[in-house]
Amino acid sequence: MAEARLKAKLWIQAAVRTCVSQGITATVARKGDEDAGAILIKQNLGNGAFRILSQVRAMDGSPAWLQATGADPVDEAKADAYIGRQVERDWDLWVIEIEDRQGRLPFEAVVL
């Protein structure tokens, strides 16, 4: 039997509300498919530093996030170029931008 999954739109709404409740600025930068769209996080770390996190599954099947632009932060142009390439491949993609100099993710997240 397949694991029940939360619809993308509901997950996005919950993530943004969680950010706001913790004093972290978060906005939906791009809306995707409300039911099953993939999700990217564009983390604005301040001082022109960004990182993109892509929703993936860990080896055990649990939800995780992959540092899609690498371990080191990149500039906004590189972050946006990565997002643009992903959107070309997947029109149903959601993008949340989170601004936090500490790089916090206010929801349960394992980063690979």
C-alpha atoms as a PDB file:
ATOM      1  CA  MET A   1       0.000   0.000   0.000  1.00  0.00           C
ATOM      2  CA  ALA A   2       1.356   3.441  -0.940  1.00  0.00           C
ATOM      3  CA  GLU A   3       2.218   5.948   1.771  1.00  0.00           C
ATOM      4  CA  ALA A   4      -0.342   8.761   2.109  1.00  0.00           C
ATOM      5  CA  ARG A   5       1.187  12.086   1.140  1.00  0.00           C
ATOM      6  CA  LEU A   6       0.138  15.598   1.960  1.00  0.00           C
ATOM      7  CA  LYS A   7      -0.923  17.661  -1.049  1.00  0.00           C
ATOM      8  CA  ALA A   8       1.769  20.107  -2.151  1.00  0.00           C
ATOM      9  CA  LYS A   9      -0.386  23.203  -1.652  1.00  0.00           C
ATOM     10  CA  LEU A  10      -1.174  22.248   1.948  1.00  0.00           C
ATOM     11  CA  TRP A  11       2.495  21.528   2.697  1.00  0.00           C
ATOM     12  CA  ILE A  12       3.491  24.901   1.203  1.00  0.00           C
ATOM     13  CA  GLN A  13       0.865  26.773   3.234  1.00  0.00           C
ATOM     14  CA  ALA A  14       1.968  25.051   6.434  1.00  0.00           C
ATOM     15  CA  ALA A  15       5.653  25.741   5.742  1.00  0.00           C
ATOM     16  CA  VAL A  16       5.052  29.452   5.086  1.00  0.00           C
ATOM     17  CA  ARG A  17       2.897  29.789   8.221  1.00  0.00           C
ATOM     18  CA  THR A  18       5.532  28.016  10.292  1.00  0.00           C
ATOM     19  CA  CYS A  19       8.179  30.426   8.996  1.00  0.00           C
ATOM     20  CA  VAL A  20       6.044  33.464   9.765  1.00  0.00           C
ATOM     21  CA  SER A  21       5.246  32.187  13.268  1.00  0.00           C
ATOM     22  CA  GLN A  22       9.002  31.966  13.935  1.00  0.00           C
ATOM     23  CA  GLY A  23       9.754  35.435  12.563  1.00  0.00           C
ATOM     24  CA  ILE A  24      11.275  34.149   9.325  1.00  0.00           C
ATOM     25  CA  THR A  25      10.244  35.767   6.051  1.00  0.00           C
ATOM     26  CA  ALA A  26       8.884  33.254   3.563  1.00  0.00           C
ATOM     27  CA  THR A  27       7.031  33.771   0.300  1.00  0.00           C
ATOM     28  CA  VAL A  28       5.720  31.562  -2.448  1.00  0.00           C
ATOM     29  CA  ALA A  29       7.891  32.602  -5.388  1.00  0.00           C
ATOM     30  CA  ARG A  30       6.251  30.176  -7.832  1.00  0.00           C
ATOM     31  CA  LYS A  31       3.045  28.185  -7.644  1.00  0.00           C
ATOM     32  CA  GLY A  32       3.013  24.644  -8.947  1.00  0.00           C
ATOM     33  CA  ASP A  33       0.546  21.799  -9.118  1.00  0.00           C
ATOM     34  CA  GLU A  34      -1.674  21.960  -6.026  1.00  0.00           C
ATOM     35  CA  ASP A  35      -1.779  18.204  -5.538  1.00  0.00           C
ATOM     36  CA  ALA A  36       1.601  16.773  -6.419  1.00  0.00           C
ATOM     37  CA  GLY A  37       4.019  19.504  -7.495  1.00  0.00           C
ATOM     38  CA  ALA A  38       7.674  19.122  -6.537  1.00  0.00           C
ATOM     39  CA  ILE A  39       9.096  21.741  -4.165  1.00  0.00           C
ATOM     40  CA  LEU A  40      12.285  23.804  -4.212  1.00  0.00           C
ATOM     41  CA  ILE A  41      13.417  26.040  -1.360  1.00  0.00           C
ATOM     42  CA  LYS A  42      15.367  29.163  -2.315  1.00  0.00           C
ATOM     43  CA  GLN A  43      17.207  30.140   0.852  1.00  0.00           C
ATOM     44  CA  ASN A  44      18.331  33.753   0.995  1.00  0.00           C
ATOM     45  CA  LEU A  45      21.188  33.765   3.508  1.00  0.00           C
ATOM     46  CA  GLY A  46      21.878  37.496   3.158  1.00  0.00           C
ATOM     47  CA  ASN A  47      24.884  39.302   1.676  1.00  0.00           C
ATOM     48  CA  GLY A  48      24.061  37.907  -1.773  1.00  0.00           C
ATOM     49  CA  ALA A  49      24.385  34.269  -0.681  1.00  0.00           C
ATOM     50  CA  PHE A  50      21.741  31.720  -1.657  1.00  0.00           C
ATOM     51  CA  ARG A  51      21.244  28.006  -1.669  1.00  0.00           C
ATOM     52  CA  ILE A  52      18.629  25.876  -3.357  1.00  0.00           C
ATOM     53  CA  LEU A  53      17.197  22.834  -1.631  1.00  0.00           C
ATOM     54  CA  SER A  54      15.364  20.198  -3.635  1.00  0.00           C
ATOM     55  CA  GLN A  55      12.847  17.848  -2.077  1.00  0.00           C
ATOM     56  CA  VAL A  56      14.055  14.231  -2.336  1.00  0.00           C
ATOM     57  CA  ARG A  57      13.770  10.913  -0.511  1.00  0.00           C
ATOM     58  CA  ALA A  58      16.560   9.533   1.672  1.00  0.00           C
ATOM     59  CA  MET A  59      17.806   5.968   1.266  1.00  0.00           C
ATOM     60  CA  ASP A  60      15.223   4.757   3.787  1.00  0.00           C
ATOM     61  CA  GLY A  61      12.391   6.478   1.889  1.00  0.00           C
ATOM     62  CA  SER A  62      11.946   9.319   4.373  1.00  0.00           C
ATOM     63  CA  PRO A  63      11.611  12.924   3.131  1.00  0.00           C
ATOM     64  CA  ALA A  64      14.842  14.891   2.860  1.00  0.00           C
ATOM     65  CA  TRP A  65      16.338  17.915   1.109  1.00  0.00           C
ATOM     66  CA  LEU A  66      19.282  17.918  -1.289  1.00  0.00           C
ATOM     67  CA  GLN A  67      21.572  20.947  -1.512  1.00  0.00           C
ATOM     68  CA  ALA A  68      20.921  21.273  -5.224  1.00  0.00           C
ATOM     69  CA  THR A  69      23.420  24.081  -5.816  1.00  0.00           C
ATOM     70  CA  GLY A  70      26.169  22.382  -3.807  1.00  0.00           C
ATOM     71  CA  ALA A  71      27.496  22.658  -0.277  1.00  0.00           C
ATOM     72  CA  ASP A  72      28.630  26.281  -0.653  1.00  0.00           C
ATOM     73  CA  PRO A  73      26.212  29.187  -1.121  1.00  0.00           C
ATOM     74  CA  VAL A  74      25.897  30.695  -4.604  1.00  0.00           C
ATOM     75  CA  ASP A  75      24.906  34.135  -5.860  1.00  0.00           C
ATOM     76  CA  GLU A  76      21.299  34.880  -6.771  1.00  0.00           C
ATOM     77  CA  ALA A  77      21.926  34.660 -10.522  1.00  0.00           C
ATOM     78  CA  LYS A  78      23.173  31.074 -10.176  1.00  0.00           C
ATOM     79  CA  ALA A  79      20.310  30.183  -7.845  1.00  0.00           C
ATOM     80  CA  ASP A  80      17.751  31.612 -10.267  1.00  0.00           C
ATOM     81  CA  ALA A  81      19.417  29.892 -13.227  1.00  0.00           C
ATOM     82  CA  TYR A  82      19.109  26.540 -11.432  1.00  0.00           C
ATOM     83  CA  ILE A  83      15.440  27.201 -10.696  1.00  0.00           C
ATOM     84  CA  GLY A  84      14.871  28.207 -14.332  1.00  0.00           C
ATOM     85  CA  ARG A  85      16.375  24.950 -15.595  1.00  0.00           C
ATOM     86  CA  GLN A  86      14.193  22.938 -13.236  1.00  0.00           C
ATOM     87  CA  VAL A  87      11.034  24.808 -14.273  1.00  0.00           C
ATOM     88  CA  GLU A  88      11.812  24.031 -17.935  1.00  0.00           C
ATOM     89  CA  ARG A  89      11.760  20.320 -17.002  1.00  0.00           C
ATOM     90  CA  ASP A  90       8.845  20.468 -14.545  1.00  0.00           C
ATOM     91  CA  TRP A  91       6.102  23.092 -14.990  1.00  0.00           C
ATOM     92  CA  ASP A  92       4.355  21.846 -11.816  1.00  0.00           C
ATOM     93  CA  LEU A  93       7.242  22.983  -9.600  1.00  0.00           C
ATOM     94  CA  TRP A  94       6.692  25.102  -6.469  1.00  0.00           C
ATOM     95  CA  VAL A  95       9.368  27.520  -5.190  1.00  0.00           C
ATOM     96  CA  ILE A  96       9.394  28.962  -1.673  1.00  0.00           C
ATOM     97  CA  GLU A  97      11.878  31.716  -0.864  1.00  0.00           C
ATOM     98  CA  ILE A  98      12.981  31.825   2.766  1.00  0.00           C
ATOM     99  CA  GLU A  99      15.065  34.730   4.060  1.00  0.00           C
ATOM    100  CA  ASP A 100      17.149  33.860   7.100  1.00  0.00           C
ATOM    101  CA  ARG A 101      20.794  34.774   7.669  1.00  0.00           C
ATOM    102  CA  GLN A 102      21.227  31.732   9.926  1.00  0.00           C
ATOM    103  CA  GLY A 103      19.996  29.349   7.236  1.00  0.00           C
ATOM    104  CA  ARG A 104      17.298  27.889   9.476  1.00  0.00           C
ATOM    105  CA  LEU A 105      14.570  25.695   8.070  1.00  0.00           C
ATOM    106  CA  PRO A 106      11.614  26.049  10.423  1.00  0.00           C
ATOM    107  CA  PHE A 107      10.100  22.713   9.503  1.00  0.00           C
ATOM    108  CA  GLU A 108      11.368  19.184  10.012  1.00  0.00           C
ATOM    109  CA  ALA A 109      14.168  18.802   7.502  1.00  0.00           C
ATOM    110  CA  VAL A 110      17.027  16.413   6.908  1.00  0.00           C
ATOM    111  CA  VAL A 111      19.516  18.077   4.548  1.00  0.00           C
ATOM    112  CA  LEU A 112      21.725  15.731   2.538  1.00  0.00           C
END
